[in-house]
Every structure is written in structure tokens, then in C-alpha cells.
């Protein structure tokens, strides 16, 4: 390479590699806590860092996340309701996740 100038090397898959590596890293760390989270019956017994990570316990929002229904209400108040919106509001979804030993 002769002369002065900028040499640029680009890798077009780099952004996806970062996301993949971050997801793998997060999953590896999270997997260390899943057994403890799944087997604890009393929320008060969880270590502080796991309490902060829990959004729901026994079907109820934990204290850090009690704002969510109020936030959702205020967001729905901000937009006009149409027939399709009122029909979609009637749908209730639930997901059951079981972790077996």
C-alpha cells in the first residue's frame, strides 16, 4: 500500500456477532440462577439481585413493577379507541411455563 491515506477494514456481520455473543453470554449467566429462581417458594428468601430481576411472583407484579398497569392505562387513554382496539382489549392471554427437574 503506497501513499498516505486511511485504510478501512469493514466486517459486515460484526453487528450480528455482537448480538449473538451478548445473547450467549447473558444466557450462560442466567442459566446459573434458573434453578434457584424456580425452586424458591418465598419471594423474600431470594437474594437482592434476583429480587430486582423478578417482574412477577406468583402471578402478581413485584413492587418494582407495580407501575406497569398504570402506564398501560395512561397509554390507552392517549389514543382513540376504534372497534378493532376494543375487540383486541377483550382478548386475554396467559402463558404457563413449567421447569421440570
PDB file of N, CA and C in Angstrom:
ATOM      1  N   UNK A   1       0.846  -1.159   0.000  1.00  0.00           N
ATOM      2  CA  UNK A   1       0.000   0.000   0.000  1.00  0.00           C
ATOM      3  C   UNK A   1       0.898   1.231   0.000  1.00  0.00           C
ATOM      4  N   UNK A   2       0.788   1.955  -1.020  1.00  0.00           N
ATOM      5  CA  UNK A   2       1.613   3.145  -1.172  1.00  0.00           C
ATOM      6  C   UNK A   2       0.813   4.402  -0.846  1.00  0.00           C
ATOM      7  N   UNK A   3       1.513   5.408  -0.402  1.00  0.00           N
ATOM      8  CA  UNK A   3       0.898   6.709  -0.193  1.00  0.00           C
ATOM      9  C   UNK A   3       0.261   6.866   1.177  1.00  0.00           C
ATOM     10  N   UNK A   4      -0.201   8.091   1.402  1.00  0.00           N
ATOM     11  CA  UNK A   4      -0.852   8.397   2.674  1.00  0.00           C
ATOM     12  C   UNK A   4      -2.358   8.290   2.491  1.00  0.00           C
ATOM     13  N   UNK A   5      -3.032   7.957   3.537  1.00  0.00           N
ATOM     14  CA  UNK A   5      -4.481   7.866   3.455  1.00  0.00           C
ATOM     15  C   UNK A   5      -5.027   6.967   4.551  1.00  0.00           C
ATOM     16  N   UNK A   6      -6.285   6.802   4.516  1.00  0.00           N
ATOM     17  CA  UNK A   6      -6.977   5.987   5.523  1.00  0.00           C
ATOM     18  C   UNK A   6      -7.172   4.590   4.968  1.00  0.00           C
ATOM     19  N   UNK A   7      -6.840   3.629   5.763  1.00  0.00           N
ATOM     20  CA  UNK A   7      -7.100   2.246   5.397  1.00  0.00           C
ATOM     21  C   UNK A   7      -8.305   1.812   6.213  1.00  0.00           C
ATOM     22  N   UNK A   8      -9.290   1.290   5.549  1.00  0.00           N
ATOM     23  CA  UNK A   8     -10.531   0.908   6.219  1.00  0.00           C
ATOM     24  C   UNK A   8     -10.749  -0.580   6.028  1.00  0.00           C
ATOM     25  N   UNK A   9     -11.003  -1.254   7.105  1.00  0.00           N
ATOM     26  CA  UNK A   9     -11.343  -2.664   7.049  1.00  0.00           C
ATOM     27  C   UNK A   9     -12.745  -2.796   7.626  1.00  0.00           C
ATOM     28  N   UNK A  10     -13.648  -3.383   6.899  1.00  0.00           N
ATOM     29  CA  UNK A  10     -15.033  -3.498   7.347  1.00  0.00           C
ATOM     30  C   UNK A  10     -15.442  -4.964   7.399  1.00  0.00           C
ATOM     31  N   UNK A  11     -16.204  -5.278   8.421  1.00  0.00           N
ATOM     32  CA  UNK A  11     -16.790  -6.613   8.558  1.00  0.00           C
ATOM     33  C   UNK A  11     -18.288  -6.403   8.644  1.00  0.00           C
ATOM     34  N   UNK A  12     -19.010  -6.841   7.633  1.00  0.00           N
ATOM     35  CA  UNK A  12     -20.436  -6.537   7.598  1.00  0.00           C
ATOM     36  C   UNK A  12     -21.274  -7.362   8.556  1.00  0.00           C
ATOM     37  N   UNK A  13     -20.755  -8.460   9.108  1.00  0.00           N
ATOM     38  CA  UNK A  13     -21.544  -9.256  10.045  1.00  0.00           C
ATOM     39  C   UNK A  13     -21.242  -8.909  11.508  1.00  0.00           C
ATOM     40  N   UNK A  14     -20.378  -7.943  11.740  1.00  0.00           N
ATOM     41  CA  UNK A  14     -19.976  -7.622  13.105  1.00  0.00           C
ATOM     42  C   UNK A  14     -21.155  -7.268  14.022  1.00  0.00           C
ATOM     43  N   UNK A  15     -22.106  -6.431  13.594  1.00  0.00           N
ATOM     44  CA  UNK A  15     -23.229  -6.135  14.499  1.00  0.00           C
ATOM     45  C   UNK A  15     -24.008  -7.376  14.916  1.00  0.00           C
ATOM     46  N   UNK A  16     -24.194  -8.325  14.022  1.00  0.00           N
ATOM     47  CA  UNK A  16     -24.915  -9.531  14.400  1.00  0.00           C
ATOM     48  C   UNK A  16     -24.067 -10.410  15.308  1.00  0.00           C
ATOM     49  N   UNK A  17     -22.776 -10.384  15.144  1.00  0.00           N
ATOM     50  CA  UNK A  17     -21.907 -11.156  16.028  1.00  0.00           C
ATOM     51  C   UNK A  17     -21.956 -10.612  17.451  1.00  0.00           C
ATOM     52  N   UNK A  18     -21.981  -9.290  17.583  1.00  0.00           N
ATOM     53  CA  UNK A  18     -22.089  -8.705  18.926  1.00  0.00           C
ATOM     54  C   UNK A  18     -23.373  -9.168  19.606  1.00  0.00           C
ATOM     55  N   UNK A  19     -24.483  -9.104  18.896  1.00  0.00           N
ATOM     56  CA  UNK A  19     -25.769  -9.510  19.478  1.00  0.00           C
ATOM     57  C   UNK A  19     -25.758 -10.986  19.852  1.00  0.00           C
ATOM     58  N   UNK A  20     -25.206 -11.818  18.978  1.00  0.00           N
ATOM     59  CA  UNK A  20     -25.144 -13.256  19.246  1.00  0.00           C
ATOM     60  C   UNK A  20     -24.282 -13.539  20.474  1.00  0.00           C
ATOM     61  N   UNK A  21     -23.115 -12.912  20.539  1.00  0.00           N
ATOM     62  CA  UNK A  21     -22.235 -13.129  21.683  1.00  0.00           C
ATOM     63  C   UNK A  21     -22.866 -12.612  22.968  1.00  0.00           C
ATOM     64  N   UNK A  22     -23.526 -11.461  22.894  1.00  0.00           N
ATOM     65  CA  UNK A  22     -24.173 -10.911  24.082  1.00  0.00           C
ATOM     66  C   UNK A  22     -25.296 -11.825  24.558  1.00  0.00           C
ATOM     67  N   UNK A  23     -26.079 -12.362  23.628  1.00  0.00           N
ATOM     68  CA  UNK A  23     -27.163 -13.275  23.991  1.00  0.00           C
ATOM     69  C   UNK A  23     -26.625 -14.547  24.618  1.00  0.00           C
ATOM     70  N   UNK A  24     -25.551 -15.083  24.050  1.00  0.00           N
ATOM     71  CA  UNK A  24     -24.954 -16.293  24.612  1.00  0.00           C
ATOM     72  C   UNK A  24     -24.408 -16.023  26.011  1.00  0.00           C
ATOM     73  N   UNK A  25     -23.748 -14.891  26.170  1.00  0.00           N
ATOM     74  CA  UNK A  25     -23.186 -14.534  27.472  1.00  0.00           C
ATOM     75  C   UNK A  25     -24.297 -14.373  28.511  1.00  0.00           C
ATOM     76  N   UNK A  26     -25.349 -13.640  28.144  1.00  0.00           N
ATOM     77  CA  UNK A  26     -26.476 -13.440  29.064  1.00  0.00           C
ATOM     78  C   UNK A  26     -27.120 -14.779  29.412  1.00  0.00           C
ATOM     79  N   UNK A  27     -27.321 -15.631  28.417  1.00  0.00           N
ATOM     80  CA  UNK A  27     -27.917 -16.938  28.660  1.00  0.00           C
ATOM     81  C   UNK A  27     -27.061 -17.803  29.575  1.00  0.00           C
ATOM     82  N   UNK A  28     -25.759 -17.761  29.387  1.00  0.00           N
ATOM     83  CA  UNK A  28     -24.857 -18.541  30.241  1.00  0.00           C
ATOM     84  C   UNK A  28     -24.934 -18.074  31.692  1.00  0.00           C
ATOM     85  N   UNK A  29     -25.003 -16.772  31.889  1.00  0.00           N
ATOM     86  CA  UNK A  29     -25.097 -16.243  33.258  1.00  0.00           C
ATOM     87  C   UNK A  29     -26.462 -16.544  33.862  1.00  0.00           C
ATOM     88  N   UNK A  30     -27.524 -16.314  33.082  1.00  0.00           N
ATOM     89  CA  UNK A  30     -28.875 -16.543  33.577  1.00  0.00           C
ATOM     90  C   UNK A  30     -29.105 -18.000  33.955  1.00  0.00           C
ATOM     91  N   UNK A  31     -28.535 -18.918  33.198  1.00  0.00           N
ATOM     92  CA  UNK A  31     -28.753 -20.341  33.478  1.00  0.00           C
ATOM     93  C   UNK A  31     -28.242 -20.741  34.866  1.00  0.00           C
ATOM     94  N   UNK A  32     -27.326 -19.989  35.425  1.00  0.00           N
ATOM     95  CA  UNK A  32     -26.820 -20.284  36.768  1.00  0.00           C
ATOM     96  C   UNK A  32     -27.872 -19.991  37.840  1.00  0.00           C
ATOM     97  N   UNK A  33     -28.853 -19.137  37.520  1.00  0.00           N
ATOM     98  CA  UNK A  33     -29.832 -18.709  38.505  1.00  0.00           C
ATOM     99  C   UNK A  33     -31.214 -19.340  38.328  1.00  0.00           C
ATOM    100  N   UNK A  34     -31.449 -20.015  37.214  1.00  0.00           N
ATOM    101  CA  UNK A  34     -32.786 -20.527  36.918  1.00  0.00           C
ATOM    102  C   UNK A  34     -33.261 -21.520  37.971  1.00  0.00           C
ATOM    103  N   UNK A  35     -32.430 -22.466  38.359  1.00  0.00           N
ATOM    104  CA  UNK A  35     -32.842 -23.446  39.361  1.00  0.00           C
ATOM    105  C   UNK A  35     -33.247 -22.772  40.666  1.00  0.00           C
ATOM    106  N   UNK A  36     -32.456 -21.813  41.114  1.00  0.00           N
ATOM    107  CA  UNK A  36     -32.751 -21.112  42.368  1.00  0.00           C
ATOM    108  C   UNK A  36     -34.065 -20.340  42.251  1.00  0.00           C
ATOM    109  N   UNK A  37     -34.247 -19.651  41.136  1.00  0.00           N
ATOM    110  CA  UNK A  37     -35.481 -18.890  40.932  1.00  0.00           C
ATOM    111  C   UNK A  37     -36.696 -19.805  40.878  1.00  0.00           C
ATOM    112  N   UNK A  38     -36.589 -20.920  40.179  1.00  0.00           N
ATOM    113  CA  UNK A  38     -37.718 -21.825  40.007  1.00  0.00           C
ATOM    114  C   UNK A  38     -38.073 -22.575  41.278  1.00  0.00           C
ATOM    115  N   UNK A  39     -37.106 -22.835  42.126  1.00  0.00           N
ATOM    116  CA  UNK A  39     -37.367 -23.645  43.321  1.00  0.00           C
ATOM    117  C   UNK A  39     -37.727 -22.819  44.551  1.00  0.00           C
ATOM    118  N   UNK A  40     -37.552 -21.517  44.511  1.00  0.00           N
ATOM    119  CA  UNK A  40     -37.850 -20.678  45.668  1.00  0.00           C
ATOM    120  C   UNK A  40     -39.343 -20.399  45.732  1.00  0.00           C
ATOM    121  N   UNK A  41     -39.950 -20.762  46.855  1.00  0.00           N
ATOM    122  CA  UNK A  41     -41.383 -20.539  47.032  1.00  0.00           C
ATOM    123  C   UNK A  41     -41.665 -19.194  47.681  1.00  0.00           C
ATOM    124  N   UNK A  42     -40.761 -18.716  48.504  1.00  0.00           N
ATOM    125  CA  UNK A  42     -40.958 -17.443  49.200  1.00  0.00           C
ATOM    126  C   UNK A  42     -40.075 -16.374  48.564  1.00  0.00           C
ATOM    127  N   UNK A  43     -40.718 -15.367  48.007  1.00  0.00           N
ATOM    128  CA  UNK A  43     -40.004 -14.292  47.317  1.00  0.00           C
ATOM    129  C   UNK A  43     -39.007 -13.609  48.248  1.00  0.00           C
ATOM    130  N   UNK A  44     -39.334 -13.498  49.519  1.00  0.00           N
ATOM    131  CA  UNK A  44     -38.463 -12.824  50.491  1.00  0.00           C
ATOM    132  C   UNK A  44     -37.132 -13.551  50.673  1.00  0.00           C
ATOM    133  N   UNK A  45     -37.085 -14.842  50.342  1.00  0.00           N
ATOM    134  CA  UNK A  45     -35.860 -15.627  50.506  1.00  0.00           C
ATOM    135  C   UNK A  45     -34.854 -15.418  49.371  1.00  0.00           C
ATOM    136  N   UNK A  46     -35.286 -14.804  48.290  1.00  0.00           N
ATOM    137  CA  UNK A  46     -34.373 -14.591  47.162  1.00  0.00           C
ATOM    138  C   UNK A  46     -33.298 -13.575  47.515  1.00  0.00           C
ATOM    139  N   UNK A  47     -32.097 -13.758  47.006  1.00  0.00           N
ATOM    140  CA  UNK A  47     -31.062 -12.735  47.179  1.00  0.00           C
ATOM    141  C   UNK A  47     -31.511 -11.434  46.497  1.00  0.00           C
ATOM    142  N   UNK A  48     -30.998 -10.318  46.961  1.00  0.00           N
ATOM    143  CA  UNK A  48     -31.416  -8.999  46.477  1.00  0.00           C
ATOM    144  C   UNK A  48     -31.297  -8.867  44.958  1.00  0.00           C
ATOM    145  N   UNK A  49     -30.202  -9.374  44.375  1.00  0.00           N
ATOM    146  CA  UNK A  49     -30.025  -9.215  42.931  1.00  0.00           C
ATOM    147  C   UNK A  49     -31.057 -10.012  42.142  1.00  0.00           C
ATOM    148  N   UNK A  50     -31.547 -11.117  42.685  1.00  0.00           N
ATOM    149  CA  UNK A  50     -32.587 -11.869  41.993  1.00  0.00           C
ATOM    150  C   UNK A  50     -33.960 -11.241  42.196  1.00  0.00           C
ATOM    151  N   UNK A  51     -34.199 -10.645  43.367  1.00  0.00           N
ATOM    152  CA  UNK A  51     -35.463  -9.927  43.591  1.00  0.00           C
ATOM    153  C   UNK A  51     -35.611  -8.797  42.587  1.00  0.00           C
ATOM    154  N   UNK A  52     -34.521  -8.081  42.335  1.00  0.00           N
ATOM    155  CA  UNK A  52     -34.566  -6.971  41.383  1.00  0.00           C
ATOM    156  C   UNK A  52     -34.847  -7.450  39.963  1.00  0.00           C
ATOM    157  N   UNK A  53     -34.498  -8.692  39.675  1.00  0.00           N
ATOM    158  CA  UNK A  53     -34.683  -9.229  38.324  1.00  0.00           C
ATOM    159  C   UNK A  53     -36.078  -9.807  38.107  1.00  0.00           C
ATOM    160  N   UNK A  54     -36.840 -10.014  39.176  1.00  0.00           N
ATOM    161  CA  UNK A  54     -38.169 -10.627  39.059  1.00  0.00           C
ATOM    162  C   UNK A  54     -39.232  -9.578  38.785  1.00  0.00           C
ATOM    163  N   UNK A  55     -39.969  -9.770  37.718  1.00  0.00           N
ATOM    164  CA  UNK A  55     -41.063  -8.866  37.377  1.00  0.00           C
ATOM    165  C   UNK A  55     -42.363  -9.372  38.002  1.00  0.00           C
ATOM    166  N   UNK A  56     -42.554 -10.684  38.001  1.00  0.00           N
ATOM    167  CA  UNK A  56     -43.785 -11.277  38.523  1.00  0.00           C
ATOM    168  C   UNK A  56     -43.422 -12.403  39.486  1.00  0.00           C
ATOM    169  N   UNK A  57     -44.185 -12.507  40.575  1.00  0.00           N
ATOM    170  CA  UNK A  57     -44.039 -13.621  41.507  1.00  0.00           C
ATOM    171  C   UNK A  57     -45.430 -14.099  41.876  1.00  0.00           C
ATOM    172  N   UNK A  58     -45.689 -15.379  41.654  1.00  0.00           N
ATOM    173  CA  UNK A  58     -46.992 -15.990  41.921  1.00  0.00           C
ATOM    174  C   UNK A  58     -48.141 -15.226  41.257  1.00  0.00           C
ATOM    175  N   UNK A  59     -47.916 -14.809  40.035  1.00  0.00           N
ATOM    176  CA  UNK A  59     -48.965 -14.160  39.255  1.00  0.00           C
ATOM    177  C   UNK A  59     -49.197 -12.695  39.553  1.00  0.00           C
ATOM    178  N   UNK A  60     -48.419 -12.109  40.453  1.00  0.00           N
ATOM    179  CA  UNK A  60     -48.562 -10.696  40.812  1.00  0.00           C
ATOM    180  C   UNK A  60     -47.273  -9.955  40.464  1.00  0.00           C
ATOM    181  N   UNK A  61     -47.427  -8.709  40.000  1.00  0.00           N
ATOM    182  CA  UNK A  61     -46.243  -7.890  39.741  1.00  0.00           C
ATOM    183  C   UNK A  61     -45.518  -7.604  41.049  1.00  0.00           C
ATOM    184  N   UNK A  62     -44.192  -7.664  41.014  1.00  0.00           N
ATOM    185  CA  UNK A  62     -43.424  -7.320  42.206  1.00  0.00           C
ATOM    186  C   UNK A  62     -43.453  -5.801  42.376  1.00  0.00           C
ATOM    187  N   UNK A  63     -43.052  -5.339  43.546  1.00  0.00           N
ATOM    188  CA  UNK A  63     -43.203  -3.923  43.888  1.00  0.00           C
ATOM    189  C   UNK A  63     -42.502  -2.984  42.909  1.00  0.00           C
ATOM    190  N   UNK A  64     -41.374  -3.394  42.362  1.00  0.00           N
ATOM    191  CA  UNK A  64     -40.671  -2.534  41.408  1.00  0.00           C
ATOM    192  C   UNK A  64     -41.434  -2.348  40.107  1.00  0.00           C
ATOM    193  N   UNK A  65     -42.359  -3.240  39.814  1.00  0.00           N
ATOM    194  CA  UNK A  65     -43.042  -3.202  38.527  1.00  0.00           C
ATOM    195  C   UNK A  65     -44.545  -2.955  38.655  1.00  0.00           C
ATOM    196  N   UNK A  66     -44.998  -2.508  39.816  1.00  0.00           N
ATOM    197  CA  UNK A  66     -46.421  -2.227  40.010  1.00  0.00           C
ATOM    198  C   UNK A  66     -46.906  -1.057  39.164  1.00  0.00           C
ATOM    199  N   UNK A  67     -46.001  -0.289  38.601  1.00  0.00           N
ATOM    200  CA  UNK A  67     -46.360   0.855  37.762  1.00  0.00           C
ATOM    201  C   UNK A  67     -46.874   0.431  36.386  1.00  0.00           C
ATOM    202  N   UNK A  68     -46.619  -0.784  35.966  1.00  0.00           N
ATOM    203  CA  UNK A  68     -46.931  -1.212  34.597  1.00  0.00           C
ATOM    204  C   UNK A  68     -48.413  -1.062  34.257  1.00  0.00           C
ATOM    205  N   UNK A  69     -49.355  -1.527  35.103  1.00  0.00           N
ATOM    206  CA  UNK A  69     -50.770  -1.341  34.736  1.00  0.00           C
ATOM    207  C   UNK A  69     -51.145   0.140  34.602  1.00  0.00           C
ATOM    208  N   UNK A  70     -50.621   0.985  35.472  1.00  0.00           N
ATOM    209  CA  UNK A  70     -50.912   2.427  35.374  1.00  0.00           C
ATOM    210  C   UNK A  70     -50.349   3.000  34.077  1.00  0.00           C
ATOM    211  N   UNK A  71     -49.161   2.571  33.715  1.00  0.00           N
ATOM    212  CA  UNK A  71     -48.538   3.040  32.483  1.00  0.00           C
ATOM    213  C   UNK A  71     -49.349   2.585  31.267  1.00  0.00           C
ATOM    214  N   UNK A  72     -49.809   1.350  31.291  1.00  0.00           N
ATOM    215  CA  UNK A  72     -50.609   0.834  30.182  1.00  0.00           C
ATOM    216  C   UNK A  72     -51.947   1.561  30.087  1.00  0.00           C
ATOM    217  N   UNK A  73     -52.549   1.868  31.240  1.00  0.00           N
ATOM    218  CA  UNK A  73     -53.798   2.625  31.245  1.00  0.00           C
ATOM    219  C   UNK A  73     -53.606   3.997  30.636  1.00  0.00           C
ATOM    220  N   UNK A  74     -52.558   4.686  31.059  1.00  0.00           N
ATOM    221  CA  UNK A  74     -52.332   6.033  30.540  1.00  0.00           C
ATOM    222  C   UNK A  74     -52.010   5.995  29.052  1.00  0.00           C
ATOM    223  N   UNK A  75     -51.345   4.954  28.602  1.00  0.00           N
ATOM    224  CA  UNK A  75     -51.045   4.832  27.174  1.00  0.00           C
ATOM    225  C   UNK A  75     -52.330   4.584  26.386  1.00  0.00           C
ATOM    226  N   UNK A  76     -53.262   3.802  26.937  1.00  0.00           N
ATOM    227  CA  UNK A  76     -54.509   3.537  26.217  1.00  0.00           C
ATOM    228  C   UNK A  76     -55.433   4.751  26.264  1.00  0.00           C
ATOM    229  N   UNK A  77     -55.316   5.591  27.286  1.00  0.00           N
ATOM    230  CA  UNK A  77     -56.105   6.823  27.356  1.00  0.00           C
ATOM    231  C   UNK A  77     -55.668   7.830  26.308  1.00  0.00           C
ATOM    232  N   UNK A  78     -54.420   7.753  25.899  1.00  0.00           N
ATOM    233  CA  UNK A  78     -53.863   8.719  24.956  1.00  0.00           C
ATOM    234  C   UNK A  78     -54.320   8.516  23.522  1.00  0.00           C
ATOM    235  N   UNK A  79     -54.745   7.301  23.179  1.00  0.00           N
ATOM    236  CA  UNK A  79     -55.138   7.066  21.795  1.00  0.00           C
ATOM    237  C   UNK A  79     -56.637   6.776  21.713  1.00  0.00           C
ATOM    238  N   UNK A  80     -57.302   7.216  20.634  1.00  0.00           N
ATOM    239  CA  UNK A  80     -58.737   6.970  20.491  1.00  0.00           C
ATOM    240  C   UNK A  80     -58.997   5.484  20.269  1.00  0.00           C
ATOM    241  N   UNK A  81     -60.103   5.019  20.824  1.00  0.00           N
ATOM    242  CA  UNK A  81     -60.429   3.606  20.709  1.00  0.00           C
ATOM    243  C   UNK A  81     -61.273   3.373  19.467  1.00  0.00           C
ATOM    244  N   UNK A  82     -60.877   2.403  18.667  1.00  0.00           N
ATOM    245  CA  UNK A  82     -61.640   2.013  17.490  1.00  0.00           C
ATOM    246  C   UNK A  82     -62.276   0.660  17.771  1.00  0.00           C
ATOM    247  N   UNK A  83     -63.098   0.183  16.875  1.00  0.00           N
ATOM    248  CA  UNK A  83     -63.739  -1.108  17.057  1.00  0.00           C
ATOM    249  C   UNK A  83     -62.714  -2.218  17.187  1.00  0.00           C
ATOM    250  N   UNK A  84     -61.670  -2.190  16.342  1.00  0.00           N
ATOM    251  CA  UNK A  84     -60.654  -3.246  16.414  1.00  0.00           C
ATOM    252  C   UNK A  84     -59.891  -3.186  17.733  1.00  0.00           C
ATOM    253  N   UNK A  85     -59.658  -1.956  18.262  1.00  0.00           N
ATOM    254  CA  UNK A  85     -58.985  -1.826  19.552  1.00  0.00           C
ATOM    255  C   UNK A  85     -59.838  -2.412  20.664  1.00  0.00           C
ATOM    256  N   UNK A  86     -61.127  -2.131  20.650  1.00  0.00           N
ATOM    257  CA  UNK A  86     -61.988  -2.626  21.719  1.00  0.00           C
ATOM    258  C   UNK A  86     -62.090  -4.140  21.678  1.00  0.00           C
ATOM    259  N   UNK A  87     -62.064  -4.726  20.472  1.00  0.00           N
ATOM    260  CA  UNK A  87     -62.086  -6.184  20.362  1.00  0.00           C
ATOM    261  C   UNK A  87     -60.792  -6.794  20.863  1.00  0.00           C
ATOM    262  N   UNK A  88     -59.658  -6.162  20.535  1.00  0.00           N
ATOM    263  CA  UNK A  88     -58.372  -6.709  20.980  1.00  0.00           C
ATOM    264  C   UNK A  88     -58.201  -6.564  22.482  1.00  0.00           C
ATOM    265  N   UNK A  89     -58.850  -5.559  23.086  1.00  0.00           N
ATOM    266  CA  UNK A  89     -58.759  -5.385  24.539  1.00  0.00           C
ATOM    267  C   UNK A  89     -59.497  -6.484  25.280  1.00  0.00           C
ATOM    268  N   UNK A  90     -60.419  -7.157  24.610  1.00  0.00           N
ATOM    269  CA  UNK A  90     -61.182  -8.218  25.253  1.00  0.00           C
ATOM    270  C   UNK A  90     -60.403  -9.528  25.320  1.00  0.00           C
ATOM    271  N   UNK A  91     -59.381  -9.666  24.510  1.00  0.00           N
ATOM    272  CA  UNK A  91     -58.594 -10.892  24.484  1.00  0.00           C
ATOM    273  C   UNK A  91     -57.700 -10.957  25.709  1.00  0.00           C
ATOM    274  N   UNK A  92     -57.673 -12.092  26.343  1.00  0.00           N
ATOM    275  CA  UNK A  92     -56.792 -12.308  27.482  1.00  0.00           C
ATOM    276  C   UNK A  92     -55.839 -13.431  27.137  1.00  0.00           C
ATOM    277  N   UNK A  93     -54.573 -13.233  27.419  1.00  0.00           N
ATOM    278  CA  UNK A  93     -53.566 -14.228  27.117  1.00  0.00           C
ATOM    279  C   UNK A  93     -52.885 -14.659  28.408  1.00  0.00           C
ATOM    280  N   UNK A  94     -52.531 -15.904  28.474  1.00  0.00           N
ATOM    281  CA  UNK A  94     -51.736 -16.358  29.613  1.00  0.00           C
ATOM    282  C   UNK A  94     -50.736 -17.388  29.103  1.00  0.00           C
ATOM    283  N   UNK A  95     -49.611 -17.434  29.768  1.00  0.00           N
ATOM    284  CA  UNK A  95     -48.565 -18.373  29.402  1.00  0.00           C
ATOM    285  C   UNK A  95     -48.146 -19.107  30.653  1.00  0.00           C
ATOM    286  N   UNK A  96     -48.098 -20.405  30.586  1.00  0.00           N
ATOM    287  CA  UNK A  96     -47.658 -21.216  31.711  1.00  0.00           C
ATOM    288  C   UNK A  96     -46.322 -21.826  31.355  1.00  0.00           C
ATOM    289  N   UNK A  97     -45.339 -21.588  32.189  1.00  0.00           N
ATOM    290  CA  UNK A  97     -44.008 -22.141  31.970  1.00  0.00           C
ATOM    291  C   UNK A  97     -43.706 -23.075  33.123  1.00  0.00           C
ATOM    292  N   UNK A  98     -43.377 -24.303  32.808  1.00  0.00           N
ATOM    293  CA  UNK A  98     -43.040 -25.280  33.840  1.00  0.00           C
ATOM    294  C   UNK A  98     -41.579 -25.689  33.664  1.00  0.00           C
ATOM    295  N   UNK A  99     -40.877 -25.727  34.765  1.00  0.00           N
ATOM    296  CA  UNK A  99     -39.481 -26.186  34.746  1.00  0.00           C
ATOM    297  C   UNK A  99     -39.443 -27.499  35.533  1.00  0.00           C
ATOM    298  N   UNK A 100     -39.096 -28.550  34.847  1.00  0.00           N
ATOM    299  CA  UNK A 100     -39.081 -29.872  35.466  1.00  0.00           C
ATOM    300  C   UNK A 100     -37.667 -30.274  35.809  1.00  0.00           C
ATOM    301  N   UNK A 101     -37.510 -30.963  36.908  1.00  0.00           N
ATOM    302  CA  UNK A 101     -36.194 -31.451  37.313  1.00  0.00           C
ATOM    303  C   UNK A 101     -35.766 -32.617  36.456  1.00  0.00           C
TER     304      UNK A 101
END
